[in-house]
Amino acid sequence: MEEMASFFHAYCPEGVNSKYRLIVFDDKKEAFIPLTVFYHDQFNRISESSVIAYLNTLEPFFYWLKYKSYYKARKVCWDDEPEAVKEAVRQYLIEQMHCKIRGRDGHEGVYLTSKSSKTVQLFLSAIKGFYKTMIRLKKYTQANPLIDIEYKDSVSEQPGERGNRPRMPKAAGTEEPLSFRKQTDSYFKVINEEWLTP
């Protein structure tokens, strides 16, 4: 991945009175509250090392979003409409993470190449989690742009072994269970575990 300036985070120095123990800063060294709030929310839910890994993969994205993302000839903001955010994430996956993207039924298939960043899965988990957090905290008022809205319907509509009738509950033991290994509600789904040649 091409090196660029970025957002960064720093712990609050001892003796400084702040409600934040860690603050995320933008490239102009101004506090970037959405990622700061995300860190503190996640810190109470998952391990700190996992939250820091999320920040490390999100900070370059938010810098890139600020300067290089475009949707319908305008810059995209983190709190933009879902289609604009999706397009920005799509561009980032292609331009910065060197993935190939192909549209599929209601979602985008992400194909890793030999040049792809090793953090693609981590980035997709982090950005999806960021929007889940912002929605739960009422800081993003629209639908999560990283969720496949057709996912729930497609799973519930899977036919059972009895023709076009709905599947029997797993507890009934009358049908082979579906394999959900690759099932996810993510809008961007990594399709291949092996690299494709560019």
Protein backbone atom coordinates (compact mmCIF):
# COMPACT_ATOMS: atom_id res chain seq x y z
CA MET A 1 0.00 0.00 0.00
CA GLU A 2 1.38 3.39 -0.92
CA GLU A 3 2.61 5.37 2.09
CA MET A 4 0.84 8.62 2.77
CA ALA A 5 0.24 11.07 5.58
CA SER A 6 -2.44 9.91 7.92
CA PHE A 7 -4.59 10.49 10.91
CA PHE A 8 -2.97 9.28 14.13
CA HIS A 9 -3.84 8.65 17.76
CA ALA A 10 -2.18 9.54 21.05
CA TYR A 11 -2.92 8.76 24.69
CA CYS A 12 -3.85 11.68 26.90
CA PRO A 13 -0.75 12.68 28.92
CA GLU A 14 -0.82 12.12 32.68
CA GLY A 15 -2.00 15.18 34.57
CA VAL A 16 -4.18 16.42 31.69
CA ASN A 17 -7.88 16.41 32.54
CA SER A 18 -9.88 14.95 29.63
CA LYS A 19 -12.86 12.66 29.25
CA TYR A 20 -10.83 10.79 26.61
CA ARG A 21 -7.92 8.49 27.47
CA LEU A 22 -6.95 8.41 23.76
CA ILE A 23 -7.60 10.99 21.06
CA VAL A 24 -7.47 10.50 17.30
CA PHE A 25 -6.07 13.47 15.38
CA ASP A 26 -6.38 14.36 11.72
CA ASP A 27 -3.41 15.31 9.55
CA LYS A 28 -3.70 18.92 10.76
CA LYS A 29 -3.36 17.73 14.39
CA GLU A 30 -6.98 18.56 15.20
CA ALA A 31 -9.04 16.08 17.22
CA PHE A 32 -11.15 13.82 15.02
CA ILE A 33 -14.07 13.01 17.31
CA PRO A 34 -15.80 10.22 15.31
CA LEU A 35 -12.77 7.88 15.57
CA THR A 36 -12.08 9.00 19.14
CA VAL A 37 -15.65 8.11 20.14
CA PHE A 38 -15.36 4.82 18.21
CA TYR A 39 -12.21 3.89 20.17
CA HIS A 40 -13.83 4.59 23.54
CA ASP A 41 -17.00 2.71 22.66
CA GLN A 42 -15.08 -0.33 21.41
CA PHE A 43 -12.61 -0.21 24.31
CA ASN A 44 -15.51 -1.21 26.56
CA ARG A 45 -16.50 -4.10 24.25
CA ILE A 46 -13.34 -5.75 22.90
CA SER A 47 -9.66 -5.92 23.83
CA GLU A 48 -7.62 -2.75 23.55
CA SER A 49 -5.18 -4.42 21.15
CA SER A 50 -8.11 -5.16 18.80
CA VAL A 51 -9.36 -1.57 19.00
CA ILE A 52 -5.86 -0.24 18.28
CA ALA A 53 -5.61 -2.61 15.28
CA TYR A 54 -8.93 -1.18 14.05
CA LEU A 55 -7.66 2.39 14.48
CA ASN A 56 -4.41 1.59 12.67
CA THR A 57 -6.34 0.38 9.63
CA LEU A 58 -9.02 3.12 9.75
CA GLU A 59 -6.75 6.16 10.16
CA PRO A 60 -5.21 5.93 6.65
CA PHE A 61 -8.71 5.44 5.20
CA PHE A 62 -10.08 8.58 6.85
CA TYR A 63 -7.10 10.59 5.60
CA TRP A 64 -7.65 9.21 2.09
CA LEU A 65 -11.40 9.91 2.40
CA LYS A 66 -10.70 13.54 3.28
CA TYR A 67 -8.54 14.21 0.22
CA LYS A 68 -9.03 11.61 -2.50
CA SER A 69 -12.55 10.18 -2.41
CA TYR A 70 -15.15 11.31 -4.90
CA TYR A 71 -18.79 10.53 -5.49
CA LYS A 72 -20.74 12.31 -8.23
CA ALA A 73 -17.92 14.87 -8.65
CA ARG A 74 -17.73 15.86 -4.98
CA LYS A 75 -15.68 14.85 -1.96
CA VAL A 76 -17.17 12.23 0.35
CA CYS A 77 -17.50 12.87 4.10
CA TRP A 78 -17.63 10.05 6.65
CA ASP A 79 -21.25 10.94 7.48
CA ASP A 80 -22.35 11.13 3.84
CA GLU A 81 -25.25 9.21 2.31
CA PRO A 82 -24.74 5.41 2.25
CA GLU A 83 -24.17 5.21 -1.54
CA ALA A 84 -21.39 7.81 -1.32
CA VAL A 85 -19.70 5.94 1.56
CA LYS A 86 -19.97 2.63 -0.33
CA GLU A 87 -18.37 4.19 -3.39
CA ALA A 88 -15.56 5.67 -1.29
CA VAL A 89 -14.85 2.30 0.36
CA ARG A 90 -14.95 0.64 -3.07
CA GLN A 91 -12.44 3.16 -4.48
CA TYR A 92 -10.17 2.71 -1.46
CA LEU A 93 -10.20 -1.08 -1.80
CA ILE A 94 -9.20 -0.75 -5.46
CA GLU A 95 -6.76 2.17 -5.35
CA GLN A 96 -5.07 1.74 -1.97
CA MET A 97 -5.56 -1.93 -1.06
CA HIS A 98 -5.12 -3.22 -4.64
CA CYS A 99 -8.21 -5.42 -4.68
CA LYS A 100 -10.45 -6.24 -7.60
CA ILE A 101 -14.17 -5.62 -7.06
CA ARG A 102 -17.01 -7.29 -8.89
CA GLY A 103 -20.68 -6.60 -8.29
CA ARG A 104 -22.73 -9.58 -7.19
CA ASP A 105 -26.31 -10.07 -5.99
CA GLY A 106 -26.87 -7.09 -3.69
CA HIS A 107 -23.23 -6.84 -2.60
CA GLU A 108 -19.70 -6.38 -3.92
CA GLY A 109 -17.27 -9.28 -4.24
CA VAL A 110 -13.74 -8.36 -3.14
CA TYR A 111 -10.95 -10.33 -4.79
CA LEU A 112 -7.47 -10.20 -3.30
CA THR A 113 -4.52 -9.90 -5.66
CA SER A 114 -0.81 -10.49 -5.09
CA LYS A 115 -0.50 -6.73 -4.42
CA SER A 116 -3.41 -6.57 -1.96
CA SER A 117 -2.77 -5.32 1.54
CA LYS A 118 -2.76 -8.04 4.19
CA THR A 119 -5.22 -5.95 6.20
CA VAL A 120 -8.20 -6.07 3.81
CA GLN A 121 -10.31 -8.28 6.13
CA LEU A 122 -9.33 -6.19 9.16
CA PHE A 123 -10.22 -2.97 7.34
CA LEU A 124 -13.63 -4.30 6.26
CA SER A 125 -14.42 -5.43 9.82
CA ALA A 126 -13.24 -2.11 11.25
CA ILE A 127 -15.18 0.12 8.86
CA LYS A 128 -18.36 -1.92 9.25
CA GLY A 129 -17.94 -1.77 13.05
CA PHE A 130 -17.30 1.98 12.87
CA TYR A 131 -20.64 2.58 11.17
CA LYS A 132 -22.48 0.20 13.52
CA THR A 133 -21.09 2.21 16.43
CA MET A 134 -21.93 5.59 14.89
CA ILE A 135 -25.52 4.43 14.23
CA ARG A 136 -25.95 3.02 17.74
CA LEU A 137 -24.61 6.28 19.24
CA LYS A 138 -26.88 8.29 16.89
CA LYS A 139 -23.94 10.06 15.21
CA TYR A 140 -24.79 8.58 11.79
CA THR A 141 -28.49 8.78 11.05
CA GLN A 142 -28.73 6.64 7.92
CA ALA A 143 -28.59 2.92 7.17
CA ASN A 144 -25.21 1.23 7.63
CA PRO A 145 -23.53 1.53 4.21
CA LEU A 146 -21.42 -1.58 4.93
CA ILE A 147 -24.42 -3.91 5.46
CA ASP A 148 -25.95 -5.94 2.63
CA ILE A 149 -29.64 -5.07 3.04
CA GLU A 150 -30.66 -8.05 0.92
CA TYR A 151 -28.77 -10.54 3.16
CA LYS A 152 -31.54 -11.19 5.69
CA ASP A 153 -34.11 -11.82 2.96
CA SER A 154 -31.79 -14.11 0.99
CA VAL A 155 -31.09 -16.31 4.05
CA SER A 156 -34.73 -16.56 5.11
CA GLU A 157 -35.81 -17.38 1.56
CA GLN A 158 -33.47 -20.36 1.13
CA PRO A 159 -35.75 -23.24 0.20
CA GLY A 160 -35.77 -26.36 2.30
CA GLU A 161 -35.70 -29.94 1.09
CA ARG A 162 -39.51 -29.88 0.85
CA GLY A 163 -39.76 -27.99 -2.42
CA ASN A 164 -40.57 -24.31 -2.16
CA ARG A 165 -41.53 -24.40 1.51
CA PRO A 166 -39.40 -22.57 4.10
CA ARG A 167 -36.64 -24.50 5.82
CA MET A 168 -37.50 -26.41 8.98
CA PRO A 169 -35.83 -25.16 12.16
CA LYS A 170 -32.40 -26.66 12.88
CA ALA A 171 -33.80 -28.25 16.06
CA ALA A 172 -36.23 -30.34 13.98
CA GLY A 173 -33.29 -32.32 12.60
CA THR A 174 -35.19 -33.13 9.40
CA GLU A 175 -32.97 -31.22 6.97
CA GLU A 176 -29.24 -30.93 6.46
CA PRO A 177 -28.12 -27.64 8.04
CA LEU A 178 -27.01 -24.89 5.69
CA SER A 179 -23.32 -24.07 5.73
CA PHE A 180 -22.98 -20.47 6.90
CA ARG A 181 -19.21 -20.40 6.81
CA LYS A 182 -19.15 -17.81 4.04
CA GLN A 183 -22.51 -16.19 4.93
CA THR A 184 -22.17 -12.62 6.17
CA ASP A 185 -24.31 -9.49 6.15
CA SER A 186 -21.34 -7.41 4.90
CA TYR A 187 -21.84 -5.39 1.74
CA PHE A 188 -18.20 -6.01 0.75
CA LYS A 189 -17.41 -9.74 0.88
CA VAL A 190 -13.93 -11.15 0.36
CA ILE A 191 -14.50 -13.93 -2.17
CA ASN A 192 -11.08 -15.52 -2.48
CA GLU A 193 -8.61 -16.44 0.21
CA GLU A 194 -5.89 -16.98 -2.39
CA TRP A 195 -4.42 -14.10 -4.36
CA LEU A 196 -5.31 -13.51 -7.98
CA THR A 197 -2.62 -12.27 -10.33
CA PRO A 198 -3.31 -8.63 -11.27
